[in-house]
């Protein structure tokens, strides 16, 4: 199948039956985006859309030997996740007071016994609820050992399992002498936050990015009066989830399900630095959040964060200003837009706007953008109204502007 759109005009211009009733019609399209988009052979939209954006800005056709494919981006995502995992493991180990490499092996072994796995598909994935059950079992096994051996706090090197038991005991959890095998009755409740699985998803991404803990005082376990001073289960789950994300990226058919806006921005920075270093014919790019719902950490462009903040309370005049900002960005030959729509990333290939006469001589304004709901081929005209509703519906859905450096 030919990847090129044979008749761009037929795709971007309104059908004659609609056009004949217009009082005004305007359109922008990006030939470089039509040329640069790449095929998405697996659930890797977060990589294919980034490759398409890169090719578009470098003015490269997807068939060019210098063009990026989804696999170029997947490899960079893997490097990002590997770095993030090591950083999070190191942080957790320091707070716990013991390395956690063997602990992660034990977690995976026990997960397999329950029919779960790190990086598994829906239904078999290791959830936070199952992780809590596994950690309860590990602590319980360690408590049973403590009955038979004098595990003194003076031992210079404690295992991660001993440290986990101490966390449970600091929270006042009492174990009873019994079999250590897991079953449905093992349901020790912990006073830990983020019980809801949805709360583990960061507002601006699909998987948890690096976060700074702002609580005062030392994070070292030995200084704690209660483990609840440190939300260790959430921290451990972040390690597990990023390992899961890496494994999905490393599959034969790579998946970017674990990739969010934070990773798209970071991987574009990494790609740019590496590509320009290796080949001076490439030009560097930068990326930023362009349009979306305001969050606790989102600021307007005057503070250098996001160009266009939208909300359900916007007036028609404000929506018009937002559209004009979108059109201005799109019309810039040194910028390309990636749309994070529902469960998908894709380029924006074209914009169009027209007016029709409504009843009582009122003017109806209609605005649309051309993107892809599945794959990366430009096929779906989405109304600006729907795009706004999507972004307002969840703060993770946003538009990302990728800019070519002109310096």
Protein backbone atom coordinates (compact mmCIF):
# COMPACT_ATOMS: atom_id res chain seq x y z
CA UNK A 1 0.00 0.00 0.00
CA UNK A 2 1.32 3.45 -0.95
CA UNK A 3 1.96 5.47 2.22
CA UNK A 4 1.79 8.81 0.42
CA UNK A 5 -1.53 10.63 0.21
CA UNK A 6 -2.17 10.79 -3.51
CA UNK A 7 -4.54 13.75 -3.43
CA UNK A 8 -3.88 16.08 -0.51
CA UNK A 9 -6.28 18.69 -1.85
CA UNK A 10 -9.19 16.26 -1.80
CA UNK A 11 -8.37 15.39 1.81
CA UNK A 12 -7.96 18.88 3.23
CA UNK A 13 -10.52 20.91 1.27
CA UNK A 14 -14.18 20.64 2.23
CA UNK A 15 -16.46 18.51 0.04
CA UNK A 16 -18.22 20.63 -2.63
CA UNK A 17 -21.61 19.98 -1.02
CA UNK A 18 -20.36 21.70 2.16
CA UNK A 19 -18.15 24.29 0.51
CA UNK A 20 -20.99 25.70 -1.59
CA UNK A 21 -22.82 26.76 1.58
CA UNK A 22 -19.81 28.39 3.24
CA UNK A 23 -19.56 32.11 3.73
CA UNK A 24 -15.84 31.76 4.55
CA UNK A 25 -13.30 28.97 4.31
CA UNK A 26 -9.65 28.85 5.37
CA UNK A 27 -7.13 26.02 5.55
CA UNK A 28 -3.52 25.28 6.50
CA UNK A 29 -1.68 22.03 5.84
CA UNK A 30 1.88 20.86 6.44
CA UNK A 31 3.48 19.10 3.49
CA UNK A 32 6.46 18.19 5.67
CA UNK A 33 4.15 16.40 8.12
CA UNK A 34 2.51 14.52 5.24
CA UNK A 35 5.98 13.46 4.09
CA UNK A 36 7.53 12.79 7.49
CA UNK A 37 5.01 10.64 9.35
CA UNK A 38 6.04 7.01 9.84
CA UNK A 39 4.18 3.73 10.05
CA UNK A 40 3.20 2.42 13.46
CA UNK A 41 3.61 -1.39 13.27
CA UNK A 42 2.80 -2.01 16.95
CA UNK A 43 1.21 -0.15 19.92
CA UNK A 44 4.06 2.37 19.78
CA UNK A 45 2.27 5.63 18.93
CA UNK A 46 4.43 7.49 21.46
CA UNK A 47 7.48 6.57 19.36
CA UNK A 48 6.01 6.80 15.86
CA UNK A 49 4.56 10.28 16.45
CA UNK A 50 7.91 11.55 17.78
CA UNK A 51 9.75 10.09 14.75
CA UNK A 52 7.23 11.77 12.47
CA UNK A 53 7.70 15.11 14.20
CA UNK A 54 11.49 14.81 13.90
CA UNK A 55 11.35 13.96 10.19
CA UNK A 56 8.89 16.78 9.53
CA UNK A 57 11.12 19.43 11.08
CA UNK A 58 14.25 18.06 9.37
CA UNK A 59 12.31 18.13 6.05
CA UNK A 60 12.93 14.43 5.54
CA UNK A 61 10.60 12.02 3.76
CA UNK A 62 9.95 8.83 5.71
CA UNK A 63 11.76 6.85 3.00
CA UNK A 64 14.93 8.92 3.33
CA UNK A 65 17.95 7.05 4.64
CA UNK A 66 18.40 9.83 7.21
CA UNK A 67 14.80 9.69 8.43
CA UNK A 68 13.99 8.31 11.87
CA UNK A 69 11.72 5.31 12.33
CA UNK A 70 9.75 4.32 15.42
CA UNK A 71 12.63 2.06 16.47
CA UNK A 72 15.09 4.97 16.72
CA UNK A 73 12.75 6.54 19.25
CA UNK A 74 11.97 3.26 21.06
CA UNK A 75 15.69 2.77 21.71
CA UNK A 76 15.94 6.25 23.23
CA UNK A 77 12.89 5.56 25.40
CA UNK A 78 14.64 2.40 26.65
CA UNK A 79 17.70 4.45 27.61
CA UNK A 80 15.45 6.92 29.43
CA UNK A 81 13.61 4.20 31.36
CA UNK A 82 16.85 2.37 32.24
CA UNK A 83 18.25 5.58 33.71
CA UNK A 84 15.02 6.30 35.57
CA UNK A 85 14.87 2.78 37.03
CA UNK A 86 18.44 2.98 38.33
CA UNK A 87 17.77 6.38 39.86
CA UNK A 88 14.56 5.21 41.57
CA UNK A 89 16.12 1.95 42.77
CA UNK A 90 19.04 3.88 44.24
CA UNK A 91 16.73 6.33 45.97
CA UNK A 92 14.56 3.56 47.41
CA UNK A 93 17.59 1.57 48.56
CA UNK A 94 19.03 4.57 50.39
CA UNK A 95 15.77 5.26 52.18
CA UNK A 96 15.28 1.59 53.04
CA UNK A 97 18.86 1.08 54.17
CA UNK A 98 19.48 -1.96 51.97
CA UNK A 99 19.86 -2.85 48.26
CA UNK A 100 16.62 -4.04 46.68
CA UNK A 101 17.87 -6.13 43.73
CA UNK A 102 17.02 -9.44 45.43
CA UNK A 103 13.78 -7.99 46.78
CA UNK A 104 12.63 -7.29 43.21
CA UNK A 105 13.49 -10.87 42.23
CA UNK A 106 11.42 -12.14 45.18
CA UNK A 107 8.52 -9.87 44.22
CA UNK A 108 8.52 -11.22 40.67
CA UNK A 109 8.69 -14.84 41.87
CA UNK A 110 5.71 -14.35 44.13
CA UNK A 111 3.85 -12.44 41.42
CA UNK A 112 4.28 -15.39 39.04
CA UNK A 113 2.83 -17.69 41.71
CA UNK A 114 -0.29 -15.51 41.61
CA UNK A 115 -0.46 -15.51 37.81
CA UNK A 116 0.84 -11.92 37.59
CA UNK A 117 3.94 -10.44 36.03
CA UNK A 118 5.80 -7.17 35.82
CA UNK A 119 5.05 -5.82 32.37
CA UNK A 120 2.07 -8.11 31.92
CA UNK A 121 -1.00 -7.21 29.92
CA UNK A 122 -4.26 -6.10 31.50
CA UNK A 123 -5.50 -8.83 33.80
CA UNK A 124 -2.03 -10.26 34.41
CA UNK A 125 -0.21 -7.04 35.32
CA UNK A 126 1.20 -6.60 38.81
CA UNK A 127 -1.10 -4.00 40.39
CA UNK A 128 -0.45 -2.00 43.51
CA UNK A 129 -3.02 -4.06 45.42
CA UNK A 130 -1.19 -7.30 44.53
CA UNK A 131 2.16 -5.69 45.36
CA UNK A 132 0.82 -4.79 48.80
CA UNK A 133 -0.24 -8.42 49.31
CA UNK A 134 3.20 -9.64 48.23
CA UNK A 135 4.99 -7.22 50.54
CA UNK A 136 2.75 -8.37 53.40
CA UNK A 137 3.76 -11.95 52.65
CA UNK A 138 7.46 -11.06 52.54
CA UNK A 139 7.20 -9.28 55.89
CA UNK A 140 5.26 -12.21 57.34
CA UNK A 141 7.94 -14.69 56.19
CA UNK A 142 10.60 -12.51 57.79
CA UNK A 143 8.56 -12.33 61.01
CA UNK A 144 8.40 -16.14 61.13
CA UNK A 145 12.17 -16.28 60.78
CA UNK A 146 12.45 -13.81 63.61
CA UNK A 147 10.72 -16.31 65.89
CA UNK A 148 13.55 -18.77 65.33
CA UNK A 149 16.53 -16.46 65.13
CA UNK A 150 17.61 -13.41 67.08
CA UNK A 151 17.72 -10.76 64.36
CA UNK A 152 19.49 -7.99 66.24
CA UNK A 153 19.40 -4.40 65.01
CA UNK A 154 23.15 -4.41 65.65
CA UNK A 155 23.74 -6.62 62.61
CA UNK A 156 25.80 -4.33 60.36
CA UNK A 157 24.05 -5.31 57.11
CA UNK A 158 20.34 -6.00 57.10
CA UNK A 159 18.50 -7.49 54.14
CA UNK A 160 15.77 -5.58 52.34
CA UNK A 161 13.28 -8.14 53.70
CA UNK A 162 14.27 -7.30 57.29
CA UNK A 163 13.87 -3.61 56.55
CA UNK A 164 10.42 -4.23 55.04
CA UNK A 165 9.38 -6.10 58.18
CA UNK A 166 10.47 -3.11 60.24
CA UNK A 167 8.29 -0.83 58.11
CA UNK A 168 5.28 -3.01 58.85
CA UNK A 169 6.08 -3.11 62.56
CA UNK A 170 6.54 0.67 62.69
CA UNK A 171 3.02 0.92 61.30
CA UNK A 172 1.75 -1.27 64.12
CA UNK A 173 1.02 -4.34 61.98
CA UNK A 174 0.81 -7.52 64.08
CA UNK A 175 1.44 -10.93 62.56
CA UNK A 176 0.24 -14.26 63.93
CA UNK A 177 2.23 -17.47 63.75
CA UNK A 178 0.86 -19.36 60.73
CA UNK A 179 1.71 -20.70 57.32
CA UNK A 180 3.52 -18.15 55.19
CA UNK A 181 1.79 -19.04 51.93
CA UNK A 182 -0.39 -16.37 50.36
CA UNK A 183 -4.12 -16.75 50.14
CA UNK A 184 -7.17 -14.52 50.03
CA UNK A 185 -7.24 -14.26 53.82
CA UNK A 186 -3.89 -12.50 53.91
CA UNK A 187 -5.33 -8.99 53.79
CA UNK A 188 -3.32 -6.89 56.23
CA UNK A 189 -4.40 -3.27 55.85
CA UNK A 190 -1.70 -0.61 55.84
CA UNK A 191 -2.14 3.09 56.53
CA UNK A 192 -0.68 4.08 53.18
CA UNK A 193 -1.90 6.66 50.68
CA UNK A 194 -2.75 6.21 47.00
CA UNK A 195 -4.96 3.14 47.42
CA UNK A 196 -6.72 3.96 44.16
CA UNK A 197 -4.81 2.59 41.16
CA UNK A 198 -5.75 5.68 39.15
CA UNK A 199 -3.96 7.93 41.62
CA UNK A 200 -0.64 6.40 40.60
CA UNK A 201 -0.93 7.93 37.15
CA UNK A 202 0.67 11.34 36.98
CA UNK A 203 -1.56 14.14 35.68
CA UNK A 204 0.68 14.83 32.72
CA UNK A 205 1.76 11.32 31.84
CA UNK A 206 0.69 7.68 31.69
CA UNK A 207 3.41 6.46 33.99
CA UNK A 208 4.98 8.08 37.00
CA UNK A 209 7.93 10.33 36.19
CA UNK A 210 10.66 11.41 38.58
CA UNK A 211 9.08 13.31 41.47
CA UNK A 212 10.64 15.22 44.35
CA UNK A 213 9.60 14.39 47.89
CA UNK A 214 8.95 17.57 49.84
CA UNK A 215 8.53 16.19 53.35
CA UNK A 216 10.89 17.60 55.92
CA UNK A 217 13.48 15.57 57.74
CA UNK A 218 15.59 12.57 56.85
CA UNK A 219 14.19 9.88 54.57
CA UNK A 220 16.40 7.20 56.14
CA UNK A 221 14.41 4.38 57.74
CA UNK A 222 16.36 4.51 61.00
CA UNK A 223 15.11 8.03 61.70
CA UNK A 224 11.41 7.15 61.26
CA UNK A 225 8.86 6.82 64.01
CA UNK A 226 6.24 5.59 61.56
CA UNK A 227 6.75 4.21 58.06
CA UNK A 228 3.76 6.30 56.98
CA UNK A 229 6.13 9.29 57.15
CA UNK A 230 7.53 7.71 53.99
CA UNK A 231 5.04 6.40 51.41
CA UNK A 232 7.35 3.51 50.62
CA UNK A 233 4.74 1.36 48.89
CA UNK A 234 4.09 4.07 46.31
CA UNK A 235 7.84 4.54 45.78
CA UNK A 236 8.33 0.80 45.35
CA UNK A 237 5.39 0.62 42.96
CA UNK A 238 6.97 3.39 40.87
CA UNK A 239 10.09 1.24 40.51
CA UNK A 240 7.96 -1.75 39.47
CA UNK A 241 5.94 0.29 36.99
CA UNK A 242 9.00 1.72 35.29
CA UNK A 243 10.47 -1.78 34.98
CA UNK A 244 7.14 -2.77 33.44
CA UNK A 245 7.37 0.16 31.03
CA UNK A 246 10.89 -0.83 29.96
CA UNK A 247 9.84 -4.42 29.30
CA UNK A 248 6.94 -3.28 27.14
CA UNK A 249 9.35 -1.16 25.11
CA UNK A 250 11.70 -4.15 24.70
CA UNK A 251 9.04 -6.52 23.37
CA UNK A 252 9.24 -7.86 19.81
CA UNK A 253 6.29 -5.55 19.09
CA UNK A 254 7.23 -2.59 21.29
CA UNK A 255 4.55 -0.75 23.23
CA UNK A 256 4.70 2.83 24.47
CA UNK A 257 1.72 2.34 26.80
CA UNK A 258 3.95 3.45 29.68
CA UNK A 259 5.02 6.64 27.94
CA UNK A 260 3.47 9.98 28.84
CA UNK A 261 4.02 13.62 27.96
CA UNK A 262 6.97 13.85 30.37
CA UNK A 263 8.76 11.10 28.41
CA UNK A 264 7.90 12.57 25.00
CA UNK A 265 9.45 15.89 26.02
CA UNK A 266 12.53 14.22 27.50
CA UNK A 267 13.10 11.78 24.65
CA UNK A 268 12.94 14.59 22.08
CA UNK A 269 15.65 16.37 24.05
CA UNK A 270 17.77 13.22 24.16
CA UNK A 271 17.23 12.44 20.46
CA UNK A 272 18.19 15.95 19.49
CA UNK A 273 21.40 15.97 21.51
CA UNK A 274 22.51 12.56 20.25
CA UNK A 275 21.56 13.09 16.59
CA UNK A 276 23.21 16.51 16.28
CA UNK A 277 26.35 15.18 17.99
CA UNK A 278 26.60 12.28 15.50
CA UNK A 279 25.52 14.14 12.36
CA UNK A 280 25.94 17.89 11.94
CA UNK A 281 23.42 17.94 9.08
CA UNK A 282 20.63 17.52 11.63
CA UNK A 283 19.28 20.59 13.40
CA UNK A 284 18.43 20.46 17.10
CA UNK A 285 14.84 20.61 18.31
CA UNK A 286 13.09 21.54 21.53
CA UNK A 287 9.65 20.54 22.80
CA UNK A 288 7.11 22.04 25.16
CA UNK A 289 3.53 21.56 26.27
CA UNK A 290 1.45 23.79 24.02
CA UNK A 291 -2.22 23.39 24.91
CA UNK A 292 -4.17 21.60 27.61
CA UNK A 293 -5.93 21.72 30.92
CA UNK A 294 -4.30 23.49 33.84
CA UNK A 295 -2.90 21.33 36.64
CA UNK A 296 -1.27 22.10 39.96
CA UNK A 297 2.10 22.33 38.21
CA UNK A 298 0.98 23.94 34.94
CA UNK A 299 1.59 27.61 34.38
CA UNK A 300 0.82 29.92 31.48
CA UNK A 301 3.37 30.70 28.79
CA UNK A 302 4.29 33.91 30.61
CA UNK A 303 5.92 31.64 33.18
CA UNK A 304 7.51 29.46 30.52
CA UNK A 305 5.30 26.39 30.92
CA UNK A 306 2.37 26.06 28.53
CA UNK A 307 1.30 28.39 25.74
CA UNK A 308 -2.43 27.88 25.95
CA UNK A 309 -4.35 26.83 29.08
CA UNK A 310 -7.95 25.79 28.43
CA UNK A 311 -10.93 25.09 30.68
CA UNK A 312 -14.63 24.24 30.51
CA UNK A 313 -15.41 27.81 31.59
CA UNK A 314 -13.86 29.44 28.51
CA UNK A 315 -16.04 31.95 26.63
CA UNK A 316 -16.47 31.91 22.85
CA UNK A 317 -14.02 34.80 22.64
CA UNK A 318 -11.42 32.85 24.64
CA UNK A 319 -11.92 29.76 22.47
CA UNK A 320 -11.36 31.90 19.37
CA UNK A 321 -8.09 33.20 20.87
CA UNK A 322 -7.04 29.59 21.57
CA UNK A 323 -7.77 28.55 17.99
CA UNK A 324 -5.81 31.52 16.69
CA UNK A 325 -2.82 30.52 18.85
CA UNK A 326 -3.07 26.97 17.52
CA UNK A 327 -3.25 28.23 13.94
CA UNK A 328 -0.29 30.55 14.46
CA UNK A 329 1.85 27.75 15.89
CA UNK A 330 0.84 25.34 13.13
CA UNK A 331 1.59 27.91 10.41
CA UNK A 332 5.15 28.35 11.69
CA UNK A 333 7.38 26.29 9.33
CA UNK A 334 9.77 25.62 12.21
CA UNK A 335 7.13 23.99 14.42
CA UNK A 336 5.11 20.79 14.35
CA UNK A 337 2.36 19.70 16.72
CA UNK A 338 1.84 16.31 18.35
CA UNK A 339 -1.65 15.68 19.72
CA UNK A 340 -2.05 13.39 22.72
CA UNK A 341 -5.66 12.43 22.17
CA UNK A 342 -7.54 9.54 23.75
CA UNK A 343 -5.04 6.71 24.28
CA UNK A 344 -3.02 7.82 21.27
CA UNK A 345 -0.29 10.15 20.01
CA UNK A 346 -0.34 11.49 16.44
CA UNK A 347 0.79 14.48 14.40
CA UNK A 348 -1.51 17.33 13.43
CA UNK A 349 -1.37 17.54 9.63
CA UNK A 350 -3.82 20.29 8.76
CA UNK A 351 -6.28 22.84 10.15
CA UNK A 352 -9.41 24.19 8.52
CA UNK A 353 -12.10 26.66 9.48
CA UNK A 354 -15.30 27.81 7.85
CA UNK A 355 -18.52 29.67 8.56
CA UNK A 356 -22.07 28.84 7.60
CA UNK A 357 -25.28 30.79 7.90
CA UNK A 358 -27.55 29.43 10.60
CA UNK A 359 -31.15 30.18 11.41
CA UNK A 360 -32.16 33.82 11.98
CA UNK A 361 -29.09 34.90 9.96
CA UNK A 362 -26.68 33.75 12.71
CA UNK A 363 -23.15 32.74 11.77
CA UNK A 364 -21.95 29.25 12.71
CA UNK A 365 -18.17 28.84 13.01
CA UNK A 366 -16.69 25.37 12.51
CA UNK A 367 -13.06 24.42 13.15
CA UNK A 368 -11.28 21.10 12.58
CA UNK A 369 -7.82 19.57 12.75
CA UNK A 370 -6.52 16.62 10.76
CA UNK A 371 -4.81 13.88 12.77
CA UNK A 372 -5.04 10.10 13.27
CA UNK A 373 -7.14 8.21 15.81
CA UNK A 374 -5.34 4.94 15.01
CA UNK A 375 -1.94 4.50 13.45
CA UNK A 376 -0.19 7.58 12.08
CA UNK A 377 -1.68 8.05 8.62
CA UNK A 378 -3.59 11.38 8.32
CA UNK A 379 -7.18 10.17 8.22
CA UNK A 380 -9.30 11.75 10.97
CA UNK A 381 -10.78 15.24 10.99
CA UNK A 382 -11.45 16.12 14.62
CA UNK A 383 -13.45 19.19 15.55
CA UNK A 384 -11.69 21.73 17.75
CA UNK A 385 -14.65 21.37 20.11
CA UNK A 386 -13.97 17.64 20.51
CA UNK A 387 -10.23 18.25 20.88
CA UNK A 388 -10.91 20.72 23.68
CA UNK A 389 -13.31 18.31 25.39
CA UNK A 390 -10.68 15.58 25.22
CA UNK A 391 -7.99 17.77 26.80
CA UNK A 392 -10.36 19.14 29.44
CA UNK A 393 -11.51 15.61 30.26
CA UNK A 394 -8.05 14.55 31.50
CA UNK A 395 -5.04 16.75 32.15
CA UNK A 396 -2.74 14.19 30.52
CA UNK A 397 -4.26 14.83 27.11
CA UNK A 398 -2.40 17.77 25.61
CA UNK A 399 -0.87 19.18 22.47
CA UNK A 400 2.93 19.28 22.31
CA UNK A 401 4.82 21.77 20.16
CA UNK A 402 8.16 20.63 18.74
CA UNK A 403 10.35 23.47 17.48
CA UNK A 404 13.33 23.46 15.17
CA UNK A 405 16.28 25.49 16.43
CA UNK A 406 17.14 28.28 13.99
CA UNK A 407 20.38 29.28 15.71
